[in-house]
Amino acid sequence: MNMVAPKPLRVLVVDGYKREGREEYIRDAGATPSEAYAAELRRIEPSLITDICLPADEGANLPDGAGLASYDGIALTGSSLHIHSPEPAVTRQIELMRAIYRSGTPCFGSCWGIQIGAVAAGGTVALNPNGLEIGFARRIAVNEAGARHPLLAGRPAAFDAPAIHFDSIVAPPADATILASNAMSPIQAAEFRQDGGVFWGVQYHPEFSLRLIATILRRHSKTLIERGLRKDEPAAAAWIADLDALDADPARSDLAWGLGLDEEVLDPVKRVTELRNFLEMRVKPQASVRGRA
């Protein structure tokens, strides 16, 4: 009997950055945010096919409703933009997210991604009243809804995760289920429903390696000092150097202890728990329904 091989999963990665932000990423990290995000998804699911779209760019060729519906899943990256700034690079992304909801395609977003998901569904995002959360989101607490939700399956009751954000969701959409929070952000993980679509998102960055965190922190070293998070430039440089060293040698328990990090960040499998859960519990079932897998 001839067996027909399953069609590979197709995921669209939506890059939230403007061109200059992407070029900065290439200079510092060797890839654009969407390229790095897509590579992380393919590490989880090697057969995955990923496409990229750039809605922050004027004149970008964005998929229409049918194009969005042709994907098995959609992932939204972070961004250096502020969603409460009504510039076209922002409003185009909000409109695209509204179209994603209407398409019914499973969608996941990190950081800027969850903010886009919230605003497109009627929520509000503003400058985080609790200040800048940078480097790591500490002591993210999973609530009762989160403990039952497949997005956080495998996460402990409290954990840390890579993070950097100036803004946060200050009013969730009407049809929102908050799954986790911490002292800095009352919405660290959530599900939103709008126009027949379902969005899963996190305010942190499960896709960020220690090396990428160090790269971003190096870019923001002056901000660390201005916000009182590091005393001076040598202190900031030492912290970042420890992150680089721990990335190069994850067995350095002395560095892990000094940085207050455990396997939820250091283990490359545990770190991407939410991405893997999205692929396993939303994207693959959707593809199966469509006869793609």
C-alpha atoms as a PDB file:
ATOM      1  CA  MET A   1       0.000   0.000   0.000  1.00  0.00           C
ATOM      2  CA  ASN A   2       1.363   3.409  -0.952  1.00  0.00           C
ATOM      3  CA  MET A   3       1.657   5.742   1.991  1.00  0.00           C
ATOM      4  CA  VAL A   4       1.245   9.457   1.322  1.00  0.00           C
ATOM      5  CA  ALA A   5       3.749  11.501   3.324  1.00  0.00           C
ATOM      6  CA  PRO A   6       2.133  14.229   5.425  1.00  0.00           C
ATOM      7  CA  LYS A   7       2.531  17.733   4.114  1.00  0.00           C
ATOM      8  CA  PRO A   8       4.926  19.857   6.196  1.00  0.00           C
ATOM      9  CA  LEU A   9       3.485  22.435   8.534  1.00  0.00           C
ATOM     10  CA  ARG A  10       3.554  26.035   7.320  1.00  0.00           C
ATOM     11  CA  VAL A  11       3.933  28.934   9.746  1.00  0.00           C
ATOM     12  CA  LEU A  12       4.028  32.633   8.931  1.00  0.00           C
ATOM     13  CA  VAL A  13       6.393  34.695  11.104  1.00  0.00           C
ATOM     14  CA  VAL A  14       5.319  38.345  11.365  1.00  0.00           C
ATOM     15  CA  ASP A  15       8.303  40.635  12.029  1.00  0.00           C
ATOM     16  CA  GLY A  16       7.313  43.593  14.212  1.00  0.00           C
ATOM     17  CA  TYR A  17      10.416  45.690  13.499  1.00  0.00           C
ATOM     18  CA  LYS A  18      10.954  48.548  11.082  1.00  0.00           C
ATOM     19  CA  ARG A  19      13.791  48.226   8.592  1.00  0.00           C
ATOM     20  CA  GLU A  20      16.335  50.076  10.744  1.00  0.00           C
ATOM     21  CA  GLY A  21      15.533  47.833  13.698  1.00  0.00           C
ATOM     22  CA  ARG A  22      16.014  44.712  11.574  1.00  0.00           C
ATOM     23  CA  GLU A  23      19.340  46.026  10.285  1.00  0.00           C
ATOM     24  CA  GLU A  24      20.465  46.636  13.855  1.00  0.00           C
ATOM     25  CA  TYR A  25      19.594  43.029  14.715  1.00  0.00           C
ATOM     26  CA  ILE A  26      21.550  41.727  11.737  1.00  0.00           C
ATOM     27  CA  ARG A  27      24.565  43.784  12.777  1.00  0.00           C
ATOM     28  CA  ASP A  28      24.486  42.619  16.397  1.00  0.00           C
ATOM     29  CA  ALA A  29      22.977  39.115  16.203  1.00  0.00           C
ATOM     30  CA  GLY A  30      23.546  38.012  12.610  1.00  0.00           C
ATOM     31  CA  ALA A  31      19.862  37.646  11.703  1.00  0.00           C
ATOM     32  CA  THR A  32      16.655  39.639  11.664  1.00  0.00           C
ATOM     33  CA  PRO A  33      14.196  39.051  14.557  1.00  0.00           C
ATOM     34  CA  SER A  34      11.891  37.045  12.286  1.00  0.00           C
ATOM     35  CA  GLU A  35      14.743  34.943  10.909  1.00  0.00           C
ATOM     36  CA  ALA A  36      15.915  34.137  14.440  1.00  0.00           C
ATOM     37  CA  TYR A  37      12.336  33.371  15.513  1.00  0.00           C
ATOM     38  CA  ALA A  38      11.765  31.110  12.513  1.00  0.00           C
ATOM     39  CA  ALA A  39      15.022  29.270  13.208  1.00  0.00           C
ATOM     40  CA  GLU A  40      13.913  28.645  16.807  1.00  0.00           C
ATOM     41  CA  LEU A  41      10.587  27.232  15.582  1.00  0.00           C
ATOM     42  CA  ARG A  42      12.402  24.959  13.136  1.00  0.00           C
ATOM     43  CA  ARG A  43      14.666  23.689  15.914  1.00  0.00           C
ATOM     44  CA  ILE A  44      11.510  22.513  17.671  1.00  0.00           C
ATOM     45  CA  GLU A  45       9.918  21.135  14.487  1.00  0.00           C
ATOM     46  CA  PRO A  46      12.650  20.543  11.850  1.00  0.00           C
ATOM     47  CA  SER A  47      10.209  19.865   9.009  1.00  0.00           C
ATOM     48  CA  LEU A  48       8.462  23.197   9.512  1.00  0.00           C
ATOM     49  CA  ILE A  49       8.255  25.592   6.569  1.00  0.00           C
ATOM     50  CA  THR A  50       8.410  29.248   7.616  1.00  0.00           C
ATOM     51  CA  ASP A  51       7.570  32.370   5.661  1.00  0.00           C
ATOM     52  CA  ILE A  52       8.196  35.942   6.812  1.00  0.00           C
ATOM     53  CA  CYS A  53       6.199  39.119   6.352  1.00  0.00           C
ATOM     54  CA  LEU A  54       7.206  42.682   7.236  1.00  0.00           C
ATOM     55  CA  PRO A  55       4.089  44.728   8.057  1.00  0.00           C
ATOM     56  CA  ALA A  56       6.054  47.653   9.531  1.00  0.00           C
ATOM     57  CA  ASP A  57       7.369  48.473   6.045  1.00  0.00           C
ATOM     58  CA  GLU A  58       5.383  50.833   3.848  1.00  0.00           C
ATOM     59  CA  GLY A  59       4.175  49.007   0.770  1.00  0.00           C
ATOM     60  CA  ALA A  60       4.879  45.574   2.233  1.00  0.00           C
ATOM     61  CA  ASN A  61       3.166  42.703   0.408  1.00  0.00           C
ATOM     62  CA  LEU A  62       0.972  41.341   3.192  1.00  0.00           C
ATOM     63  CA  PRO A  63      -1.231  38.249   2.891  1.00  0.00           C
ATOM     64  CA  ASP A  64      -4.969  38.768   2.582  1.00  0.00           C
ATOM     65  CA  GLY A  65      -7.575  36.773   4.477  1.00  0.00           C
ATOM     66  CA  ALA A  66      -7.263  33.737   2.230  1.00  0.00           C
ATOM     67  CA  GLY A  67      -3.491  33.932   2.419  1.00  0.00           C
ATOM     68  CA  LEU A  68      -3.552  34.032   6.211  1.00  0.00           C
ATOM     69  CA  ALA A  69      -6.003  31.124   6.330  1.00  0.00           C
ATOM     70  CA  SER A  70      -3.639  29.026   4.185  1.00  0.00           C
ATOM     71  CA  TYR A  71      -1.120  28.840   7.043  1.00  0.00           C
ATOM     72  CA  ASP A  72      -1.270  26.292   9.836  1.00  0.00           C
ATOM     73  CA  GLY A  73      -0.056  28.874  12.341  1.00  0.00           C
ATOM     74  CA  ILE A  74       1.179  32.443  12.682  1.00  0.00           C
ATOM     75  CA  ALA A  75       3.833  33.772  15.087  1.00  0.00           C
ATOM     76  CA  LEU A  76       4.456  37.415  15.996  1.00  0.00           C
ATOM     77  CA  THR A  77       7.904  38.630  17.071  1.00  0.00           C
ATOM     78  CA  GLY A  78       8.872  41.414  19.434  1.00  0.00           C
ATOM     79  CA  SER A  79       9.468  44.996  18.294  1.00  0.00           C
ATOM     80  CA  SER A  80      11.170  48.231  19.310  1.00  0.00           C
ATOM     81  CA  LEU A  81       8.001  50.148  18.408  1.00  0.00           C
ATOM     82  CA  HIS A  82       5.414  51.427  20.884  1.00  0.00           C
ATOM     83  CA  ILE A  83       1.882  50.330  20.107  1.00  0.00           C
ATOM     84  CA  HIS A  84       0.381  53.483  21.652  1.00  0.00           C
ATOM     85  CA  SER A  85       2.188  55.521  18.967  1.00  0.00           C
ATOM     86  CA  PRO A  86      -0.287  55.920  16.065  1.00  0.00           C
ATOM     87  CA  GLU A  87       2.293  55.709  13.256  1.00  0.00           C
ATOM     88  CA  PRO A  88       1.531  53.673  10.122  1.00  0.00           C
ATOM     89  CA  ALA A  89       4.156  51.045  11.010  1.00  0.00           C
ATOM     90  CA  VAL A  90       2.051  50.303  14.113  1.00  0.00           C
ATOM     91  CA  THR A  91      -1.455  50.662  12.724  1.00  0.00           C
ATOM     92  CA  ARG A  92      -0.662  48.328   9.789  1.00  0.00           C
ATOM     93  CA  GLN A  93       0.265  45.622  12.293  1.00  0.00           C
ATOM     94  CA  ILE A  94      -2.909  46.101  14.307  1.00  0.00           C
ATOM     95  CA  GLU A  95      -4.988  45.773  11.140  1.00  0.00           C
ATOM     96  CA  LEU A  96      -3.055  42.676  10.133  1.00  0.00           C
ATOM     97  CA  MET A  97      -3.746  41.122  13.560  1.00  0.00           C
ATOM     98  CA  ARG A  98      -7.453  41.855  13.162  1.00  0.00           C
ATOM     99  CA  ALA A  99      -7.332  40.013   9.836  1.00  0.00           C
ATOM    100  CA  ILE A 100      -5.519  37.113  11.529  1.00  0.00           C
ATOM    101  CA  TYR A 101      -8.330  36.849  14.081  1.00  0.00           C
ATOM    102  CA  ARG A 102     -10.913  36.793  11.293  1.00  0.00           C
ATOM    103  CA  SER A 103      -8.946  34.123   9.397  1.00  0.00           C
ATOM    104  CA  GLY A 104      -9.202  31.729  12.340  1.00  0.00           C
ATOM    105  CA  THR A 105      -5.551  30.706  11.955  1.00  0.00           C
ATOM    106  CA  PRO A 106      -3.871  29.764  15.262  1.00  0.00           C
ATOM    107  CA  CYS A 107      -1.642  32.645  16.364  1.00  0.00           C
ATOM    108  CA  PHE A 108       1.060  33.088  18.991  1.00  0.00           C
ATOM    109  CA  GLY A 109       2.916  36.246  19.998  1.00  0.00           C
ATOM    110  CA  SER A 110       5.870  37.149  22.206  1.00  0.00           C
ATOM    111  CA  CYS A 111       6.166  40.534  23.972  1.00  0.00           C
ATOM    112  CA  TRP A 112       5.109  43.013  21.231  1.00  0.00           C
ATOM    113  CA  GLY A 113       3.116  40.121  19.822  1.00  0.00           C
ATOM    114  CA  ILE A 114       0.856  39.812  22.874  1.00  0.00           C
ATOM    115  CA  GLN A 115       0.431  43.587  22.901  1.00  0.00           C
ATOM    116  CA  ILE A 116      -0.664  43.563  19.248  1.00  0.00           C
ATOM    117  CA  GLY A 117      -3.018  40.667  20.010  1.00  0.00           C
ATOM    118  CA  ALA A 118      -4.535  42.626  22.903  1.00  0.00           C
ATOM    119  CA  VAL A 119      -5.034  45.937  21.093  1.00  0.00           C
ATOM    120  CA  ALA A 120      -6.481  44.280  17.975  1.00  0.00           C
ATOM    121  CA  ALA A 121      -9.081  42.640  20.230  1.00  0.00           C
ATOM    122  CA  GLY A 122      -9.989  45.874  22.051  1.00  0.00           C
ATOM    123  CA  GLY A 123      -7.436  45.949  24.868  1.00  0.00           C
ATOM    124  CA  THR A 124      -5.123  48.801  25.864  1.00  0.00           C
ATOM    125  CA  VAL A 125      -1.335  48.973  26.047  1.00  0.00           C
ATOM    126  CA  ALA A 126       0.651  51.781  27.693  1.00  0.00           C
ATOM    127  CA  LEU A 127       4.028  52.488  29.227  1.00  0.00           C
ATOM    128  CA  ASN A 128       4.414  49.910  31.987  1.00  0.00           C
ATOM    129  CA  PRO A 129       3.484  51.716  35.233  1.00  0.00           C
ATOM    130  CA  ASN A 130       5.782  49.328  37.120  1.00  0.00           C
ATOM    131  CA  GLY A 131       8.809  50.287  35.061  1.00  0.00           C
ATOM    132  CA  LEU A 132      11.161  48.531  32.676  1.00  0.00           C
ATOM    133  CA  GLU A 133      11.327  44.733  32.813  1.00  0.00           C
ATOM    134  CA  ILE A 134      14.628  43.811  31.229  1.00  0.00           C
ATOM    135  CA  GLY A 135      16.867  40.774  31.060  1.00  0.00           C
ATOM    136  CA  PHE A 136      14.499  38.368  32.764  1.00  0.00           C
ATOM    137  CA  ALA A 137      10.912  38.358  33.977  1.00  0.00           C
ATOM    138  CA  ARG A 138      11.250  36.998  37.498  1.00  0.00           C
ATOM    139  CA  ARG A 139       8.841  34.816  39.458  1.00  0.00           C
ATOM    140  CA  ILE A 140       6.141  34.530  36.818  1.00  0.00           C
ATOM    141  CA  ALA A 141       3.245  32.938  38.720  1.00  0.00           C
ATOM    142  CA  VAL A 142       0.837  30.605  36.940  1.00  0.00           C
ATOM    143  CA  ASN A 143      -2.756  31.111  38.117  1.00  0.00           C
ATOM    144  CA  GLU A 144      -5.536  28.487  38.261  1.00  0.00           C
ATOM    145  CA  ALA A 145      -6.572  29.099  34.647  1.00  0.00           C
ATOM    146  CA  GLY A 146      -2.941  28.891  33.543  1.00  0.00           C
ATOM    147  CA  ALA A 147      -2.392  25.617  35.381  1.00  0.00           C
ATOM    148  CA  ARG A 148      -5.184  24.093  33.263  1.00  0.00           C
ATOM    149  CA  HIS A 149      -4.256  25.794  29.993  1.00  0.00           C
ATOM    150  CA  PRO A 150      -2.220  23.935  27.348  1.00  0.00           C
ATOM    151  CA  LEU A 151      -0.071  27.009  26.620  1.00  0.00           C
ATOM    152  CA  LEU A 152       1.750  26.598  29.951  1.00  0.00           C
ATOM    153  CA  ALA A 153       1.730  22.809  30.116  1.00  0.00           C
ATOM    154  CA  GLY A 154       5.062  21.726  31.575  1.00  0.00           C
ATOM    155  CA  ARG A 155       5.835  25.001  33.308  1.00  0.00           C
ATOM    156  CA  PRO A 156       6.156  24.984  37.120  1.00  0.00           C
ATOM    157  CA  ALA A 157       3.936  27.122  39.348  1.00  0.00           C
ATOM    158  CA  ALA A 158       6.528  29.902  39.221  1.00  0.00           C
ATOM    159  CA  PHE A 159       9.394  30.440  36.778  1.00  0.00           C
ATOM    160  CA  ASP A 160      11.653  33.025  35.163  1.00  0.00           C
ATOM    161  CA  ALA A 161      11.911  33.807  31.447  1.00  0.00           C
ATOM    162  CA  PRO A 162      13.892  36.100  29.128  1.00  0.00           C
ATOM    163  CA  ALA A 163      12.195  39.483  28.807  1.00  0.00           C
ATOM    164  CA  ILE A 164      12.540  43.095  27.765  1.00  0.00           C
ATOM    165  CA  HIS A 165       9.625  45.508  27.496  1.00  0.00           C
ATOM    166  CA  PHE A 166       8.913  49.137  28.247  1.00  0.00           C
ATOM    167  CA  ASP A 167       5.145  48.785  27.645  1.00  0.00           C
ATOM    168  CA  SER A 168       2.541  46.405  29.025  1.00  0.00           C
ATOM    169  CA  ILE A 169      -1.138  45.546  28.696  1.00  0.00           C
ATOM    170  CA  VAL A 170      -3.013  47.794  31.129  1.00  0.00           C
ATOM    171  CA  ALA A 171      -6.548  46.734  30.113  1.00  0.00           C
ATOM    172  CA  PRO A 172      -7.108  43.283  28.576  1.00  0.00           C
ATOM    173  CA  PRO A 173      -9.652  42.630  25.791  1.00  0.00           C
ATOM    174  CA  ALA A 174     -13.185  41.682  26.800  1.00  0.00           C
ATOM    175  CA  ASP A 175     -12.715  38.006  25.940  1.00  0.00           C
ATOM    176  CA  ALA A 176      -9.380  37.383  27.632  1.00  0.00           C
ATOM    177  CA  THR A 177      -8.153  34.624  29.907  1.00  0.00           C
ATOM    178  CA  ILE A 178      -5.149  35.694  31.943  1.00  0.00           C
ATOM    179  CA  LEU A 179      -2.856  32.743  32.632  1.00  0.00           C
ATOM    180  CA  ALA A 180       0.184  34.119  34.474  1.00  0.00           C
ATOM    181  CA  SER A 181       1.528  37.315  36.027  1.00  0.00           C
ATOM    182  CA  ASN A 182       4.331  38.707  38.161  1.00  0.00           C
ATOM    183  CA  ALA A 183       5.090  41.848  40.169  1.00  0.00           C
ATOM    184  CA  MET A 184       6.131  43.754  37.041  1.00  0.00           C
ATOM    185  CA  SER A 185       3.326  42.757  34.679  1.00  0.00           C
ATOM    186  CA  PRO A 186      -0.167  41.555  35.646  1.00  0.00           C
ATOM    187  CA  ILE A 187      -0.462  39.869  32.246  1.00  0.00           C
ATOM    188  CA  GLN A 188       2.550  37.687  31.479  1.00  0.00           C
ATOM    189  CA  ALA A 189       0.604  35.018  29.583  1.00  0.00           C
ATOM    190  CA  ALA A 190      -2.921  35.061  28.188  1.00  0.00           C
ATOM    191  CA  GLU A 191      -5.422  33.789  25.643  1.00  0.00           C
ATOM    192  CA  PHE A 192      -7.535  36.254  23.648  1.00  0.00           C
ATOM    193  CA  ARG A 193     -10.571  35.444  21.501  1.00  0.00           C
ATOM    194  CA  GLN A 194     -11.881  37.780  18.835  1.00  0.00           C
ATOM    195  CA  ASP A 195     -13.953  37.391  15.644  1.00  0.00           C
ATOM    196  CA  GLY A 196     -13.737  33.609  15.771  1.00  0.00           C
ATOM    197  CA  GLY A 197      -9.947  33.579  16.200  1.00  0.00           C
ATOM    198  CA  VAL A 198      -7.888  32.431  19.173  1.00  0.00           C
ATOM    199  CA  PHE A 199      -4.585  34.020  20.158  1.00  0.00           C
ATOM    200  CA  TRP A 200      -2.033  32.734  22.664  1.00  0.00           C
ATOM    201  CA  GLY A 201       0.651  35.094  23.888  1.00  0.00           C
ATOM    202  CA  VAL A 202       3.304  35.839  26.471  1.00  0.00           C
ATOM    203  CA  GLN A 203       4.866  39.126  27.541  1.00  0.00           C
ATOM    204  CA  TYR A 204       8.282  37.462  27.794  1.00  0.00           C
ATOM    205  CA  HIS A 205      10.529  35.931  25.123  1.00  0.00           C
ATOM    206  CA  PRO A 206      10.791  32.118  25.234  1.00  0.00           C
ATOM    207  CA  GLU A 207      12.576  32.323  21.879  1.00  0.00           C
ATOM    208  CA  PHE A 208      15.556  34.297  23.304  1.00  0.00           C
ATOM    209  CA  SER A 209      18.832  32.522  24.054  1.00  0.00           C
ATOM    210  CA  LEU A 210      21.210  33.882  26.702  1.00  0.00           C
ATOM    211  CA  ARG A 211      23.454  35.066  23.888  1.00  0.00           C
ATOM    212  CA  LEU A 212      20.654  37.114  22.362  1.00  0.00           C
ATOM    213  CA  ILE A 213      19.681  38.533  25.762  1.00  0.00           C
ATOM    214  CA  ALA A 214      23.296  39.594  26.301  1.00  0.00           C
ATOM    215  CA  THR A 215      23.348  41.216  22.856  1.00  0.00           C
ATOM    216  CA  ILE A 216      20.189  43.206  23.621  1.00  0.00           C
ATOM    217  CA  LEU A 217      21.391  44.200  27.092  1.00  0.00           C
ATOM    218  CA  ARG A 218      24.657  45.455  25.610  1.00  0.00           C
ATOM    219  CA  ARG A 219      22.616  47.706  23.350  1.00  0.00           C
ATOM    220  CA  HIS A 220      20.669  48.979  26.383  1.00  0.00           C
ATOM    221  CA  SER A 221      23.546  49.260  28.874  1.00  0.00           C
ATOM    222  CA  LYS A 222      23.023  53.017  29.361  1.00  0.00           C
ATOM    223  CA  THR A 223      19.349  52.392  30.118  1.00  0.00           C
ATOM    224  CA  LEU A 224      20.323  49.817  32.755  1.00  0.00           C
ATOM    225  CA  ILE A 225      22.400  52.463  34.517  1.00  0.00           C
ATOM    226  CA  GLU A 226      19.830  55.256  34.110  1.00  0.00           C
ATOM    227  CA  ARG A 227      17.103  53.037  35.598  1.00  0.00           C
ATOM    228  CA  GLY A 228      19.310  52.059  38.525  1.00  0.00           C
ATOM    229  CA  LEU A 229      19.443  48.408  37.485  1.00  0.00           C
ATOM    230  CA  ARG A 230      23.251  48.495  37.333  1.00  0.00           C
ATOM    231  CA  LYS A 231      25.530  50.889  39.198  1.00  0.00           C
ATOM    232  CA  ASP A 232      27.796  51.863  36.333  1.00  0.00           C
ATOM    233  CA  GLU A 233      29.242  50.728  33.013  1.00  0.00           C
ATOM    234  CA  PRO A 234      31.698  48.207  34.525  1.00  0.00           C
ATOM    235  CA  ALA A 235      28.851  46.612  36.532  1.00  0.00           C
ATOM    236  CA  ALA A 236      26.650  46.398  33.424  1.00  0.00           C
ATOM    237  CA  ALA A 237      29.513  44.974  31.365  1.00  0.00           C
ATOM    238  CA  ALA A 238      30.277  42.361  34.040  1.00  0.00           C
ATOM    239  CA  TRP A 239      26.646  41.192  34.152  1.00  0.00           C
ATOM    240  CA  ILE A 240      26.508  40.891  30.381  1.00  0.00           C
ATOM    241  CA  ALA A 241      29.855  39.075  30.303  1.00  0.00           C
ATOM    242  CA  ASP A 242      28.520  36.525  32.779  1.00  0.00           C
ATOM    243  CA  LEU A 243      25.530  35.898  30.525  1.00  0.00           C
ATOM    244  CA  ASP A 244      27.816  35.378  27.535  1.00  0.00           C
ATOM    245  CA  ALA A 245      29.997  33.004  29.558  1.00  0.00           C
ATOM    246  CA  LEU A 246      27.003  31.010  30.775  1.00  0.00           C
ATOM    247  CA  ASP A 247      25.667  30.767  27.228  1.00  0.00           C
ATOM    248  CA  ALA A 248      29.030  29.385  26.115  1.00  0.00           C
ATOM    249  CA  ASP A 249      29.156  26.919  29.022  1.00  0.00           C
ATOM    250  CA  PRO A 250      25.697  26.124  30.495  1.00  0.00           C
ATOM    251  CA  ALA A 251      27.373  23.799  33.023  1.00  0.00           C
ATOM    252  CA  ARG A 252      28.779  26.821  34.903  1.00  0.00           C
ATOM    253  CA  SER A 253      26.659  26.371  38.023  1.00  0.00           C
ATOM    254  CA  ASP A 254      28.528  29.230  39.717  1.00  0.00           C
ATOM    255  CA  LEU A 255      27.323  31.658  37.049  1.00  0.00           C
ATOM    256  CA  ALA A 256      23.801  30.235  37.028  1.00  0.00           C
ATOM    257  CA  TRP A 257      23.584  30.636  40.802  1.00  0.00           C
ATOM    258  CA  GLY A 258      24.997  34.163  40.705  1.00  0.00           C
ATOM    259  CA  LEU A 259      22.550  35.199  37.985  1.00  0.00           C
ATOM    260  CA  GLY A 260      19.635  33.476  39.739  1.00  0.00           C
ATOM    261  CA  LEU A 261      18.789  31.312  36.725  1.00  0.00           C
ATOM    262  CA  ASP A 262      17.592  27.716  36.626  1.00  0.00           C
ATOM    263  CA  GLU A 263      16.714  25.150  33.972  1.00  0.00           C
ATOM    264  CA  GLU A 264      13.524  26.980  32.924  1.00  0.00           C
ATOM    265  CA  VAL A 265      15.858  29.491  31.253  1.00  0.00           C
ATOM    266  CA  LEU A 266      19.045  27.478  30.813  1.00  0.00           C
ATOM    267  CA  ASP A 267      17.600  24.294  29.311  1.00  0.00           C
ATOM    268  CA  PRO A 268      16.975  25.029  25.600  1.00  0.00           C
ATOM    269  CA  VAL A 269      14.037  22.605  25.591  1.00  0.00           C
ATOM    270  CA  LYS A 270      12.315  23.972  28.705  1.00  0.00           C
ATOM    271  CA  ARG A 271      12.947  27.583  27.661  1.00  0.00           C
ATOM    272  CA  VAL A 272      10.783  27.215  24.535  1.00  0.00           C
ATOM    273  CA  THR A 273       7.913  25.420  26.318  1.00  0.00           C
ATOM    274  CA  GLU A 274       5.259  27.848  25.073  1.00  0.00           C
ATOM    275  CA  LEU A 275       6.442  27.684  21.461  1.00  0.00           C
ATOM    276  CA  ARG A 276       6.442  23.889  21.521  1.00  0.00           C
ATOM    277  CA  ASN A 277       2.998  23.804  23.126  1.00  0.00           C
ATOM    278  CA  PHE A 278       1.678  26.155  20.452  1.00  0.00           C
ATOM    279  CA  LEU A 279       3.000  23.930  17.671  1.00  0.00           C
ATOM    280  CA  GLU A 280       1.837  20.698  19.290  1.00  0.00           C
ATOM    281  CA  MET A 281      -1.562  21.787  20.591  1.00  0.00           C
ATOM    282  CA  ARG A 282      -2.698  24.425  18.100  1.00  0.00           C
ATOM    283  CA  VAL A 283      -0.760  24.226  14.843  1.00  0.00           C
ATOM    284  CA  LYS A 284      -0.620  20.443  14.362  1.00  0.00           C
ATOM    285  CA  PRO A 285      -4.317  19.866  15.222  1.00  0.00           C
ATOM    286  CA  GLN A 286      -5.268  22.682  12.836  1.00  0.00           C
ATOM    287  CA  ALA A 287      -3.172  21.142  10.079  1.00  0.00           C
ATOM    288  CA  SER A 288      -4.791  17.767  10.730  1.00  0.00           C
ATOM    289  CA  VAL A 289      -8.262  19.265  10.342  1.00  0.00           C
ATOM    290  CA  ARG A 290      -7.196  20.789   7.035  1.00  0.00           C
ATOM    291  CA  GLY A 291      -5.695  17.495   5.877  1.00  0.00           C
ATOM    292  CA  ARG A 292      -2.151  18.841   5.910  1.00  0.00           C
ATOM    293  CA  ALA A 293      -0.757  16.390   8.458  1.00  0.00           C
END
